mmCIF file of all heavy atoms, coordinates in Angstrom:
data_MODEL
# 
_entry.id   MODEL 
# 
loop_
_atom_site.group_PDB 
_atom_site.id 
_atom_site.type_symbol 
_atom_site.label_atom_id 
_atom_site.label_alt_id 
_atom_site.label_comp_id 
_atom_site.label_asym_id 
_atom_site.label_entity_id 
_atom_site.label_seq_id 
_atom_site.pdbx_PDB_ins_code 
_atom_site.Cartn_x 
_atom_site.Cartn_y 
_atom_site.Cartn_z 
_atom_site.occupancy 
_atom_site.B_iso_or_equiv 
_atom_site.pdbx_formal_charge 
_atom_site.auth_seq_id 
_atom_site.auth_comp_id 
_atom_site.auth_asym_id 
_atom_site.auth_atom_id 
_atom_site.pdbx_PDB_model_num 
ATOM 1   N N   . THR A 1 1  ? 0.174   8.464  -6.763  1.00 0.00 ? 1  THR A N   1 
ATOM 2   C CA  . THR A 1 1  ? 1.437   8.504  -7.437  1.00 0.00 ? 1  THR A CA  1 
ATOM 3   C C   . THR A 1 1  ? 1.600   9.843  -8.128  1.00 0.00 ? 1  THR A C   1 
ATOM 4   O O   . THR A 1 1  ? 2.697   10.474 -8.041  1.00 0.00 ? 1  THR A O   1 
ATOM 5   C CB  . THR A 1 1  ? 1.589   7.310  -8.416  1.00 0.00 ? 1  THR A CB  1 
ATOM 6   O OG1 . THR A 1 1  ? 1.448   6.058  -7.604  1.00 0.00 ? 1  THR A OG1 1 
ATOM 7   C CG2 . THR A 1 1  ? 2.914   7.372  -9.105  1.00 0.00 ? 1  THR A CG2 1 
ATOM 8   N N   . LEU A 1 2  ? 0.653   10.227 -8.882  1.00 0.00 ? 2  LEU A N   1 
ATOM 9   C CA  . LEU A 1 2  ? 0.765   11.490 -9.616  1.00 0.00 ? 2  LEU A CA  1 
ATOM 10  C C   . LEU A 1 2  ? 0.840   12.716 -8.700  1.00 0.00 ? 2  LEU A C   1 
ATOM 11  O O   . LEU A 1 2  ? 1.664   13.611 -8.905  1.00 0.00 ? 2  LEU A O   1 
ATOM 12  C CB  . LEU A 1 2  ? -0.449  11.651 -10.582 1.00 0.00 ? 2  LEU A CB  1 
ATOM 13  C CG  . LEU A 1 2  ? -0.489  10.731 -11.797 1.00 0.00 ? 2  LEU A CG  1 
ATOM 14  C CD1 . LEU A 1 2  ? -1.815  10.874 -12.518 1.00 0.00 ? 2  LEU A CD1 1 
ATOM 15  C CD2 . LEU A 1 2  ? 0.621   11.063 -12.688 1.00 0.00 ? 2  LEU A CD2 1 
ATOM 16  N N   . ALA A 1 3  ? -0.003  12.739 -7.695  1.00 0.00 ? 3  ALA A N   1 
ATOM 17  C CA  . ALA A 1 3  ? 0.051   13.902 -6.760  1.00 0.00 ? 3  ALA A CA  1 
ATOM 18  C C   . ALA A 1 3  ? 1.333   13.992 -6.093  1.00 0.00 ? 3  ALA A C   1 
ATOM 19  O O   . ALA A 1 3  ? 1.971   15.038 -5.984  1.00 0.00 ? 3  ALA A O   1 
ATOM 20  C CB  . ALA A 1 3  ? -1.150  13.826 -5.819  1.00 0.00 ? 3  ALA A CB  1 
ATOM 21  N N   . LEU A 1 4  ? 1.861   12.858 -5.562  1.00 0.00 ? 4  LEU A N   1 
ATOM 22  C CA  . LEU A 1 4  ? 3.086   12.907 -4.760  1.00 0.00 ? 4  LEU A CA  1 
ATOM 23  C C   . LEU A 1 4  ? 4.331   13.029 -5.683  1.00 0.00 ? 4  LEU A C   1 
ATOM 24  O O   . LEU A 1 4  ? 5.446   13.286 -5.134  1.00 0.00 ? 4  LEU A O   1 
ATOM 25  C CB  . LEU A 1 4  ? 3.152   11.647 -3.896  1.00 0.00 ? 4  LEU A CB  1 
ATOM 26  C CG  . LEU A 1 4  ? 2.108   11.634 -2.805  1.00 0.00 ? 4  LEU A CG  1 
ATOM 27  C CD1 . LEU A 1 4  ? 2.101   10.263 -2.073  1.00 0.00 ? 4  LEU A CD1 1 
ATOM 28  C CD2 . LEU A 1 4  ? 2.241   12.794 -1.808  1.00 0.00 ? 4  LEU A CD2 1 
ATOM 29  N N   . SER A 1 5  ? 4.164   12.898 -6.910  1.00 0.00 ? 5  SER A N   1 
ATOM 30  C CA  . SER A 1 5  ? 5.343   13.114 -7.829  1.00 0.00 ? 5  SER A CA  1 
ATOM 31  C C   . SER A 1 5  ? 5.624   14.590 -8.092  1.00 0.00 ? 5  SER A C   1 
ATOM 32  O O   . SER A 1 5  ? 6.709   14.910 -8.597  1.00 0.00 ? 5  SER A O   1 
ATOM 33  C CB  . SER A 1 5  ? 5.095   12.414 -9.169  1.00 0.00 ? 5  SER A CB  1 
ATOM 34  O OG  . SER A 1 5  ? 4.132   13.062 -10.000 1.00 0.00 ? 5  SER A OG  1 
ATOM 35  N N   . LEU A 1 6  ? 4.633   15.474 -7.772  1.00 0.00 ? 6  LEU A N   1 
ATOM 36  C CA  . LEU A 1 6  ? 4.822   16.874 -7.921  1.00 0.00 ? 6  LEU A CA  1 
ATOM 37  C C   . LEU A 1 6  ? 5.824   17.347 -6.819  1.00 0.00 ? 6  LEU A C   1 
ATOM 38  O O   . LEU A 1 6  ? 5.798   16.901 -5.720  1.00 0.00 ? 6  LEU A O   1 
ATOM 39  C CB  . LEU A 1 6  ? 3.500   17.575 -7.822  1.00 0.00 ? 6  LEU A CB  1 
ATOM 40  C CG  . LEU A 1 6  ? 2.506   17.213 -8.903  1.00 0.00 ? 6  LEU A CG  1 
ATOM 41  C CD1 . LEU A 1 6  ? 1.134   17.812 -8.552  1.00 0.00 ? 6  LEU A CD1 1 
ATOM 42  C CD2 . LEU A 1 6  ? 2.918   17.623 -10.263 1.00 0.00 ? 6  LEU A CD2 1 
ATOM 43  N N   . GLU A 1 7  ? 6.629   18.287 -7.210  1.00 0.00 ? 7  GLU A N   1 
ATOM 44  C CA  . GLU A 1 7  ? 7.659   18.848 -6.293  1.00 0.00 ? 7  GLU A CA  1 
ATOM 45  C C   . GLU A 1 7  ? 7.070   19.421 -5.023  1.00 0.00 ? 7  GLU A C   1 
ATOM 46  O O   . GLU A 1 7  ? 6.134   20.261 -5.138  1.00 0.00 ? 7  GLU A O   1 
ATOM 47  C CB  . GLU A 1 7  ? 8.496   19.863 -7.055  1.00 0.00 ? 7  GLU A CB  1 
ATOM 48  C CG  . GLU A 1 7  ? 9.649   20.398 -6.215  1.00 0.00 ? 7  GLU A CG  1 
ATOM 49  C CD  . GLU A 1 7  ? 10.532  21.394 -6.978  1.00 0.00 ? 7  GLU A CD  1 
ATOM 50  O OE1 . GLU A 1 7  ? 10.481  21.424 -8.199  1.00 0.00 ? 7  GLU A OE1 1 
ATOM 51  O OE2 . GLU A 1 7  ? 11.227  22.145 -6.267  1.00 0.00 ? 7  GLU A OE2 1 
ATOM 52  N N   . GLY A 1 8  ? 7.553   18.961 -3.904  1.00 0.00 ? 8  GLY A N   1 
ATOM 53  C CA  . GLY A 1 8  ? 7.169   19.554 -2.622  1.00 0.00 ? 8  GLY A CA  1 
ATOM 54  C C   . GLY A 1 8  ? 5.791   19.127 -2.111  1.00 0.00 ? 8  GLY A C   1 
ATOM 55  O O   . GLY A 1 8  ? 5.371   19.686 -1.135  1.00 0.00 ? 8  GLY A O   1 
ATOM 56  N N   . VAL A 1 9  ? 5.124   18.182 -2.744  1.00 0.00 ? 9  VAL A N   1 
ATOM 57  C CA  . VAL A 1 9  ? 3.809   17.784 -2.312  1.00 0.00 ? 9  VAL A CA  1 
ATOM 58  C C   . VAL A 1 9  ? 3.898   16.756 -1.210  1.00 0.00 ? 9  VAL A C   1 
ATOM 59  O O   . VAL A 1 9  ? 4.698   15.829 -1.229  1.00 0.00 ? 9  VAL A O   1 
ATOM 60  C CB  . VAL A 1 9  ? 2.974   17.287 -3.516  1.00 0.00 ? 9  VAL A CB  1 
ATOM 61  C CG1 . VAL A 1 9  ? 1.680   16.601 -2.982  1.00 0.00 ? 9  VAL A CG1 1 
ATOM 62  C CG2 . VAL A 1 9  ? 2.690   18.378 -4.471  1.00 0.00 ? 9  VAL A CG2 1 
ATOM 63  N N   . THR A 1 10 ? 3.058   16.922 -0.187  1.00 0.00 ? 10 THR A N   1 
ATOM 64  C CA  . THR A 1 10 ? 2.955   16.022 0.915   1.00 0.00 ? 10 THR A CA  1 
ATOM 65  C C   . THR A 1 10 ? 1.416   15.595 1.028   1.00 0.00 ? 10 THR A C   1 
ATOM 66  O O   . THR A 1 10 ? 0.572   16.312 0.484   1.00 0.00 ? 10 THR A O   1 
ATOM 67  C CB  . THR A 1 10 ? 3.427   16.532 2.218   1.00 0.00 ? 10 THR A CB  1 
ATOM 68  O OG1 . THR A 1 10 ? 2.665   17.742 2.564   1.00 0.00 ? 10 THR A OG1 1 
ATOM 69  C CG2 . THR A 1 10 ? 4.927   16.880 2.194   1.00 0.00 ? 10 THR A CG2 1 
ATOM 70  N N   . SER A 1 11 ? 1.242   14.535 1.765   1.00 0.00 ? 11 SER A N   1 
ATOM 71  C CA  . SER A 1 11 ? -0.213  14.091 2.020   1.00 0.00 ? 11 SER A CA  1 
ATOM 72  C C   . SER A 1 11 ? -0.399  14.018 3.498   1.00 0.00 ? 11 SER A C   1 
ATOM 73  O O   . SER A 1 11 ? 0.581   13.827 4.269   1.00 0.00 ? 11 SER A O   1 
ATOM 74  C CB  . SER A 1 11 ? -0.459  12.775 1.348   1.00 0.00 ? 11 SER A CB  1 
ATOM 75  O OG  . SER A 1 11 ? 0.309   11.743 1.900   1.00 0.00 ? 11 SER A OG  1 
ATOM 76  N N   . TYR A 1 12 ? -1.654  14.198 3.915   1.00 0.00 ? 12 TYR A N   1 
ATOM 77  C CA  . TYR A 1 12 ? -1.977  14.113 5.363   1.00 0.00 ? 12 TYR A CA  1 
ATOM 78  C C   . TYR A 1 12 ? -3.474  13.805 5.437   1.00 0.00 ? 12 TYR A C   1 
ATOM 79  O O   . TYR A 1 12 ? -4.236  14.082 4.542   1.00 0.00 ? 12 TYR A O   1 
ATOM 80  C CB  . TYR A 1 12 ? -1.663  15.442 6.056   1.00 0.00 ? 12 TYR A CB  1 
ATOM 81  C CG  . TYR A 1 12 ? -2.486  16.600 5.533   1.00 0.00 ? 12 TYR A CG  1 
ATOM 82  C CD1 . TYR A 1 12 ? -3.684  17.005 6.220   1.00 0.00 ? 12 TYR A CD1 1 
ATOM 83  C CD2 . TYR A 1 12 ? -2.154  17.367 4.490   1.00 0.00 ? 12 TYR A CD2 1 
ATOM 84  C CE1 . TYR A 1 12 ? -4.420  18.004 5.870   1.00 0.00 ? 12 TYR A CE1 1 
ATOM 85  C CE2 . TYR A 1 12 ? -2.955  18.367 3.986   1.00 0.00 ? 12 TYR A CE2 1 
ATOM 86  C CZ  . TYR A 1 12 ? -4.044  18.754 4.735   1.00 0.00 ? 12 TYR A CZ  1 
ATOM 87  O OH  . TYR A 1 12 ? -4.780  19.858 4.305   1.00 0.00 ? 12 TYR A OH  1 
ATOM 88  N N   . PRO A 1 13 ? -3.935  13.137 6.567   1.00 0.00 ? 13 PRO A N   1 
ATOM 89  C CA  . PRO A 1 13 ? -5.302  12.864 6.770   1.00 0.00 ? 13 PRO A CA  1 
ATOM 90  C C   . PRO A 1 13 ? -6.105  14.161 6.887   1.00 0.00 ? 13 PRO A C   1 
ATOM 91  O O   . PRO A 1 13 ? -5.634  15.068 7.531   1.00 0.00 ? 13 PRO A O   1 
ATOM 92  C CB  . PRO A 1 13 ? -5.347  12.061 8.065   1.00 0.00 ? 13 PRO A CB  1 
ATOM 93  C CG  . PRO A 1 13 ? -3.933  11.703 8.339   1.00 0.00 ? 13 PRO A CG  1 
ATOM 94  C CD  . PRO A 1 13 ? -3.055  12.657 7.654   1.00 0.00 ? 13 PRO A CD  1 
ATOM 95  N N   . HIS A 1 14 ? -7.328  14.152 6.256   1.00 0.00 ? 14 HIS A N   1 
ATOM 96  C CA  . HIS A 1 14 ? -8.166  15.316 6.336   1.00 0.00 ? 14 HIS A CA  1 
ATOM 97  C C   . HIS A 1 14 ? -9.598  14.813 6.390   1.00 0.00 ? 14 HIS A C   1 
ATOM 98  O O   . HIS A 1 14 ? -10.188 14.507 5.412   1.00 0.00 ? 14 HIS A O   1 
ATOM 99  C CB  . HIS A 1 14 ? -7.972  16.188 5.082   1.00 0.00 ? 14 HIS A CB  1 
ATOM 100 C CG  . HIS A 1 14 ? -8.729  17.426 5.089   1.00 0.00 ? 14 HIS A CG  1 
ATOM 101 N ND1 . HIS A 1 14 ? -8.582  18.485 5.898   1.00 0.00 ? 14 HIS A ND1 1 
ATOM 102 C CD2 . HIS A 1 14 ? -9.752  17.814 4.240   1.00 0.00 ? 14 HIS A CD2 1 
ATOM 103 C CE1 . HIS A 1 14 ? -9.392  19.390 5.607   1.00 0.00 ? 14 HIS A CE1 1 
ATOM 104 N NE2 . HIS A 1 14 ? -10.194 19.065 4.607   1.00 0.00 ? 14 HIS A NE2 1 
ATOM 105 N N   . PHE A 1 15 ? -10.115 14.747 7.633   1.00 0.00 ? 15 PHE A N   1 
ATOM 106 C CA  . PHE A 1 15 ? -11.467 14.169 7.893   1.00 0.00 ? 15 PHE A CA  1 
ATOM 107 C C   . PHE A 1 15 ? -11.506 12.709 7.327   1.00 0.00 ? 15 PHE A C   1 
ATOM 108 O O   . PHE A 1 15 ? -10.662 11.962 7.677   1.00 0.00 ? 15 PHE A O   1 
ATOM 109 C CB  . PHE A 1 15 ? -12.592 15.070 7.340   1.00 0.00 ? 15 PHE A CB  1 
ATOM 110 C CG  . PHE A 1 15 ? -12.549 16.467 7.965   1.00 0.00 ? 15 PHE A CG  1 
ATOM 111 C CD1 . PHE A 1 15 ? -12.015 17.510 7.315   1.00 0.00 ? 15 PHE A CD1 1 
ATOM 112 C CD2 . PHE A 1 15 ? -13.093 16.648 9.197   1.00 0.00 ? 15 PHE A CD2 1 
ATOM 113 C CE1 . PHE A 1 15 ? -11.975 18.799 7.838   1.00 0.00 ? 15 PHE A CE1 1 
ATOM 114 C CE2 . PHE A 1 15 ? -13.061 17.881 9.818   1.00 0.00 ? 15 PHE A CE2 1 
ATOM 115 C CZ  . PHE A 1 15 ? -12.481 18.948 9.121   1.00 0.00 ? 15 PHE A CZ  1 
ATOM 116 N N   . ASP A 1 16 ? -12.383 12.454 6.414   1.00 0.00 ? 16 ASP A N   1 
ATOM 117 C CA  . ASP A 1 16 ? -12.520 11.086 5.877   1.00 0.00 ? 16 ASP A CA  1 
ATOM 118 C C   . ASP A 1 16 ? -11.822 10.999 4.529   1.00 0.00 ? 16 ASP A C   1 
ATOM 119 O O   . ASP A 1 16 ? -12.148 10.243 3.683   1.00 0.00 ? 16 ASP A O   1 
ATOM 120 C CB  . ASP A 1 16 ? -14.013 10.740 5.745   1.00 0.00 ? 16 ASP A CB  1 
ATOM 121 C CG  . ASP A 1 16 ? -14.765 11.615 4.732   1.00 0.00 ? 16 ASP A CG  1 
ATOM 122 O OD1 . ASP A 1 16 ? -14.338 12.776 4.481   1.00 0.00 ? 16 ASP A OD1 1 
ATOM 123 O OD2 . ASP A 1 16 ? -15.809 11.213 4.210   1.00 0.00 ? 16 ASP A OD2 1 
ATOM 124 N N   . ARG A 1 17 ? -10.831 11.816 4.315   1.00 0.00 ? 17 ARG A N   1 
ATOM 125 C CA  . ARG A 1 17 ? -10.114 11.911 3.049   1.00 0.00 ? 17 ARG A CA  1 
ATOM 126 C C   . ARG A 1 17 ? -8.594  11.978 3.271   1.00 0.00 ? 17 ARG A C   1 
ATOM 127 O O   . ARG A 1 17 ? -8.144  12.185 4.413   1.00 0.00 ? 17 ARG A O   1 
ATOM 128 C CB  . ARG A 1 17 ? -10.562 13.142 2.278   1.00 0.00 ? 17 ARG A CB  1 
ATOM 129 C CG  . ARG A 1 17 ? -12.104 13.195 2.091   1.00 0.00 ? 17 ARG A CG  1 
ATOM 130 C CD  . ARG A 1 17 ? -12.596 14.395 1.330   1.00 0.00 ? 17 ARG A CD  1 
ATOM 131 N NE  . ARG A 1 17 ? -12.334 14.284 -0.083  1.00 0.00 ? 17 ARG A NE  1 
ATOM 132 C CZ  . ARG A 1 17 ? -13.032 13.555 -0.944  1.00 0.00 ? 17 ARG A CZ  1 
ATOM 133 N NH1 . ARG A 1 17 ? -14.051 12.853 -0.526  1.00 0.00 ? 17 ARG A NH1 1 
ATOM 134 N NH2 . ARG A 1 17 ? -12.685 13.526 -2.243  1.00 0.00 ? 17 ARG A NH2 1 
ATOM 135 N N   . LEU A 1 18 ? -7.829  11.851 2.183   1.00 0.00 ? 18 LEU A N   1 
ATOM 136 C CA  . LEU A 1 18 ? -6.379  12.073 2.221   1.00 0.00 ? 18 LEU A CA  1 
ATOM 137 C C   . LEU A 1 18 ? -6.201  13.348 1.420   1.00 0.00 ? 18 LEU A C   1 
ATOM 138 O O   . LEU A 1 18 ? -6.606  13.426 0.298   1.00 0.00 ? 18 LEU A O   1 
ATOM 139 C CB  . LEU A 1 18 ? -5.697  10.881 1.577   1.00 0.00 ? 18 LEU A CB  1 
ATOM 140 C CG  . LEU A 1 18 ? -4.167  10.978 1.476   1.00 0.00 ? 18 LEU A CG  1 
ATOM 141 C CD1 . LEU A 1 18 ? -3.554  10.975 2.894   1.00 0.00 ? 18 LEU A CD1 1 
ATOM 142 C CD2 . LEU A 1 18 ? -3.624  9.859  0.624   1.00 0.00 ? 18 LEU A CD2 1 
ATOM 143 N N   . ALA A 1 19 ? -5.522  14.348 2.040   1.00 0.00 ? 19 ALA A N   1 
ATOM 144 C CA  . ALA A 1 19 ? -5.277  15.606 1.361   1.00 0.00 ? 19 ALA A CA  1 
ATOM 145 C C   . ALA A 1 19 ? -3.894  15.653 0.793   1.00 0.00 ? 19 ALA A C   1 
ATOM 146 O O   . ALA A 1 19 ? -2.925  15.110 1.362   1.00 0.00 ? 19 ALA A O   1 
ATOM 147 C CB  . ALA A 1 19 ? -5.525  16.730 2.363   1.00 0.00 ? 19 ALA A CB  1 
ATOM 148 N N   . PHE A 1 20 ? -3.768  16.397 -0.290  1.00 0.00 ? 20 PHE A N   1 
ATOM 149 C CA  . PHE A 1 20 ? -2.420  16.646 -0.939  1.00 0.00 ? 20 PHE A CA  1 
ATOM 150 C C   . PHE A 1 20 ? -2.222  18.135 -0.866  1.00 0.00 ? 20 PHE A C   1 
ATOM 151 O O   . PHE A 1 20 ? -3.113  18.927 -1.282  1.00 0.00 ? 20 PHE A O   1 
ATOM 152 C CB  . PHE A 1 20 ? -2.429  16.099 -2.408  1.00 0.00 ? 20 PHE A CB  1 
ATOM 153 C CG  . PHE A 1 20 ? -2.683  14.685 -2.476  1.00 0.00 ? 20 PHE A CG  1 
ATOM 154 C CD1 . PHE A 1 20 ? -3.991  14.151 -2.727  1.00 0.00 ? 20 PHE A CD1 1 
ATOM 155 C CD2 . PHE A 1 20 ? -1.687  13.714 -2.254  1.00 0.00 ? 20 PHE A CD2 1 
ATOM 156 C CE1 . PHE A 1 20 ? -4.205  12.834 -2.844  1.00 0.00 ? 20 PHE A CE1 1 
ATOM 157 C CE2 . PHE A 1 20 ? -1.933  12.377 -2.311  1.00 0.00 ? 20 PHE A CE2 1 
ATOM 158 C CZ  . PHE A 1 20 ? -3.200  11.931 -2.563  1.00 0.00 ? 20 PHE A CZ  1 
ATOM 159 N N   . ARG A 1 21 ? -1.028  18.493 -0.429  1.00 0.00 ? 21 ARG A N   1 
ATOM 160 C CA  . ARG A 1 21 ? -0.749  19.941 -0.382  1.00 0.00 ? 21 ARG A CA  1 
ATOM 161 C C   . ARG A 1 21 ? 0.659   20.265 -0.735  1.00 0.00 ? 21 ARG A C   1 
ATOM 162 O O   . ARG A 1 21 ? 1.623   19.469 -0.642  1.00 0.00 ? 21 ARG A O   1 
ATOM 163 C CB  . ARG A 1 21 ? -1.101  20.457 1.019   1.00 0.00 ? 21 ARG A CB  1 
ATOM 164 C CG  . ARG A 1 21 ? -0.141  20.190 2.118   1.00 0.00 ? 21 ARG A CG  1 
ATOM 165 C CD  . ARG A 1 21 ? -0.514  20.918 3.437   1.00 0.00 ? 21 ARG A CD  1 
ATOM 166 N NE  . ARG A 1 21 ? -0.050  22.284 3.338   1.00 0.00 ? 21 ARG A NE  1 
ATOM 167 C CZ  . ARG A 1 21 ? -0.811  23.375 3.520   1.00 0.00 ? 21 ARG A CZ  1 
ATOM 168 N NH1 . ARG A 1 21 ? -2.093  23.262 3.810   1.00 0.00 ? 21 ARG A NH1 1 
ATOM 169 N NH2 . ARG A 1 21 ? -0.337  24.551 3.467   1.00 0.00 ? 21 ARG A NH2 1 
ATOM 170 N N   . THR A 1 22 ? 0.849   21.512 -1.151  1.00 0.00 ? 22 THR A N   1 
ATOM 171 C CA  . THR A 1 22 ? 2.146   22.074 -1.332  1.00 0.00 ? 22 THR A CA  1 
ATOM 172 C C   . THR A 1 22 ? 2.450   22.816 -0.050  1.00 0.00 ? 22 THR A C   1 
ATOM 173 O O   . THR A 1 22 ? 1.681   22.793 0.908   1.00 0.00 ? 22 THR A O   1 
ATOM 174 C CB  . THR A 1 22 ? 2.153   23.132 -2.503  1.00 0.00 ? 22 THR A CB  1 
ATOM 175 O OG1 . THR A 1 22 ? 1.297   24.196 -2.171  1.00 0.00 ? 22 THR A OG1 1 
ATOM 176 C CG2 . THR A 1 22 ? 1.769   22.454 -3.834  1.00 0.00 ? 22 THR A CG2 1 
ATOM 177 N N   . GLU A 1 23 ? 3.560   23.549 0.023   1.00 0.00 ? 23 GLU A N   1 
ATOM 178 C CA  . GLU A 1 23 ? 3.881   24.328 1.184   1.00 0.00 ? 23 GLU A CA  1 
ATOM 179 C C   . GLU A 1 23 ? 2.808   25.331 1.503   1.00 0.00 ? 23 GLU A C   1 
ATOM 180 O O   . GLU A 1 23 ? 2.544   25.622 2.648   1.00 0.00 ? 23 GLU A O   1 
ATOM 181 C CB  . GLU A 1 23 ? 5.224   25.014 1.003   1.00 0.00 ? 23 GLU A CB  1 
ATOM 182 C CG  . GLU A 1 23 ? 5.717   25.789 2.190   1.00 0.00 ? 23 GLU A CG  1 
ATOM 183 C CD  . GLU A 1 23 ? 7.031   26.402 1.964   1.00 0.00 ? 23 GLU A CD  1 
ATOM 184 O OE1 . GLU A 1 23 ? 7.958   25.760 1.387   1.00 0.00 ? 23 GLU A OE1 1 
ATOM 185 O OE2 . GLU A 1 23 ? 7.178   27.600 2.264   1.00 0.00 ? 23 GLU A OE2 1 
ATOM 186 N N   . ARG A 1 24 ? 2.175   25.837 0.467   1.00 0.00 ? 24 ARG A N   1 
ATOM 187 C CA  . ARG A 1 24 ? 1.178   26.933 0.665   1.00 0.00 ? 24 ARG A CA  1 
ATOM 188 C C   . ARG A 1 24 ? -0.274  26.549 0.769   1.00 0.00 ? 24 ARG A C   1 
ATOM 189 O O   . ARG A 1 24 ? -0.999  27.245 1.436   1.00 0.00 ? 24 ARG A O   1 
ATOM 190 C CB  . ARG A 1 24 ? 1.341   27.899 -0.529  1.00 0.00 ? 24 ARG A CB  1 
ATOM 191 C CG  . ARG A 1 24 ? 2.709   28.573 -0.586  1.00 0.00 ? 24 ARG A CG  1 
ATOM 192 C CD  . ARG A 1 24 ? 2.846   29.585 -1.683  1.00 0.00 ? 24 ARG A CD  1 
ATOM 193 N NE  . ARG A 1 24 ? 1.738   30.576 -1.424  1.00 0.00 ? 24 ARG A NE  1 
ATOM 194 C CZ  . ARG A 1 24 ? 1.585   31.606 -2.169  1.00 0.00 ? 24 ARG A CZ  1 
ATOM 195 N NH1 . ARG A 1 24 ? 2.336   31.790 -3.197  1.00 0.00 ? 24 ARG A NH1 1 
ATOM 196 N NH2 . ARG A 1 24 ? 0.654   32.499 -1.932  1.00 0.00 ? 24 ARG A NH2 1 
ATOM 197 N N   . ARG A 1 25 ? -0.652  25.432 0.143   1.00 0.00 ? 25 ARG A N   1 
ATOM 198 C CA  . ARG A 1 25 ? -2.107  25.073 0.185   1.00 0.00 ? 25 ARG A CA  1 
ATOM 199 C C   . ARG A 1 25 ? -2.433  23.716 -0.221  1.00 0.00 ? 25 ARG A C   1 
ATOM 200 O O   . ARG A 1 25 ? -1.681  23.026 -0.928  1.00 0.00 ? 25 ARG A O   1 
ATOM 201 C CB  . ARG A 1 25 ? -2.914  26.077 -0.647  1.00 0.00 ? 25 ARG A CB  1 
ATOM 202 C CG  . ARG A 1 25 ? -2.731  25.909 -2.180  1.00 0.00 ? 25 ARG A CG  1 
ATOM 203 C CD  . ARG A 1 25 ? -3.535  26.865 -2.910  1.00 0.00 ? 25 ARG A CD  1 
ATOM 204 N NE  . ARG A 1 25 ? -3.297  28.194 -2.419  1.00 0.00 ? 25 ARG A NE  1 
ATOM 205 C CZ  . ARG A 1 25 ? -3.615  29.285 -2.990  1.00 0.00 ? 25 ARG A CZ  1 
ATOM 206 N NH1 . ARG A 1 25 ? -4.192  29.272 -4.159  1.00 0.00 ? 25 ARG A NH1 1 
ATOM 207 N NH2 . ARG A 1 25 ? -3.299  30.463 -2.447  1.00 0.00 ? 25 ARG A NH2 1 
ATOM 208 N N   . THR A 1 26 ? -3.600  23.259 0.224   1.00 0.00 ? 26 THR A N   1 
ATOM 209 C CA  . THR A 1 26 ? -4.157  22.040 -0.182  1.00 0.00 ? 26 THR A CA  1 
ATOM 210 C C   . THR A 1 26 ? -4.745  22.183 -1.602  1.00 0.00 ? 26 THR A C   1 
ATOM 211 O O   . THR A 1 26 ? -5.471  23.153 -1.815  1.00 0.00 ? 26 THR A O   1 
ATOM 212 C CB  . THR A 1 26 ? -5.251  21.530 0.769   1.00 0.00 ? 26 THR A CB  1 
ATOM 213 O OG1 . THR A 1 26 ? -4.597  21.304 2.054   1.00 0.00 ? 26 THR A OG1 1 
ATOM 214 C CG2 . THR A 1 26 ? -5.909  20.228 0.317   1.00 0.00 ? 26 THR A CG2 1 
ATOM 215 N N   . PHE A 1 27 ? -4.401  21.224 -2.492  1.00 0.00 ? 27 PHE A N   1 
ATOM 216 C CA  . PHE A 1 27 ? -4.961  21.379 -3.850  1.00 0.00 ? 27 PHE A CA  1 
ATOM 217 C C   . PHE A 1 27 ? -5.871  20.173 -4.249  1.00 0.00 ? 27 PHE A C   1 
ATOM 218 O O   . PHE A 1 27 ? -6.539  20.239 -5.258  1.00 0.00 ? 27 PHE A O   1 
ATOM 219 C CB  . PHE A 1 27 ? -3.839  21.525 -4.887  1.00 0.00 ? 27 PHE A CB  1 
ATOM 220 C CG  . PHE A 1 27 ? -2.891  20.299 -4.985  1.00 0.00 ? 27 PHE A CG  1 
ATOM 221 C CD1 . PHE A 1 27 ? -3.167  19.310 -5.880  1.00 0.00 ? 27 PHE A CD1 1 
ATOM 222 C CD2 . PHE A 1 27 ? -1.719  20.272 -4.195  1.00 0.00 ? 27 PHE A CD2 1 
ATOM 223 C CE1 . PHE A 1 27 ? -2.367  18.233 -6.004  1.00 0.00 ? 27 PHE A CE1 1 
ATOM 224 C CE2 . PHE A 1 27 ? -0.930  19.206 -4.317  1.00 0.00 ? 27 PHE A CE2 1 
ATOM 225 C CZ  . PHE A 1 27 ? -1.202  18.140 -5.211  1.00 0.00 ? 27 PHE A CZ  1 
ATOM 226 N N   . ALA A 1 28 ? -5.937  19.110 -3.442  1.00 0.00 ? 28 ALA A N   1 
ATOM 227 C CA  . ALA A 1 28 ? -6.786  17.984 -3.760  1.00 0.00 ? 28 ALA A CA  1 
ATOM 228 C C   . ALA A 1 28 ? -6.992  17.173 -2.464  1.00 0.00 ? 28 ALA A C   1 
ATOM 229 O O   . ALA A 1 28 ? -6.133  17.114 -1.649  1.00 0.00 ? 28 ALA A O   1 
ATOM 230 C CB  . ALA A 1 28 ? -6.130  17.124 -4.842  1.00 0.00 ? 28 ALA A CB  1 
# 
């Protein structure tokens, strides 16, 4: 909820994890 509440953040599968990224980079 917190990660996706940030402007422009999307999530996507990343190996055995869920990644959160802005347009420019993954941050978590």
